[in-house]
């Protein structure tokens, strides 16, 4: 059992008398004046793991929002692992990276450093997906096994794959695909103002469009 340091909120000590406090269930429901929305248990856990357990953790809405974006980026990279192409050589030293992750864990369970290494792997995965890096079949298998161990077994995170989320994701994908098609038509008609407006409005909503040789894809930022 690990005992963590103090938990504060918005830079101040939590106190019911001042209203500067939050109940555990309110983290998930968002039913708190200091919160703009609710967050999944895995996002809340990811937020806490981004600070070392010995340090004081400042619980803020902005911090949770940033952690949610980071969590989503990490999960998007993990979801790419099964579809990555392999090559005869690797441009990333997987055994060395894995050892760095274990070194972070052995350094008084330094979860912030571990997460930094995981984002390093996520960047590499995206580069492979964009044909800017390569990996062998054996290294890919080792990378996949290690990432699943660190993310799901050790850190205890869970991917958001409930039936409701799946349905929501399908609706989101269909809607964004339609907007991408409308944007392509606007560009074909040289209506670049409308094309840029669609891209910018989606970016404001946290949806990043990426134009490539095989068409336009999107990701959640």
Foldseek 3Di string as FASTA:
>chain_A
DDAADAEDEPPHRDDVVVLRDDDPVCQQQVPGPQAPGHDDPLLVLQLVLLDQRHDYHYDHNVSSVVSVLLVQLLVVLLVCLVVFDADPAWPDDLVVLLVQLVVCCVPNHNSNSNSVSSVVVSVVSVCRVVVNTHHHPVSSVSNSVSSCCVSCVVSNHDDPDDPVVVVVVVVVVVVVVVLQVVLVVCVVVVVVVSNVVSQVVCVVVQKHWDQDPVGIDIGGD
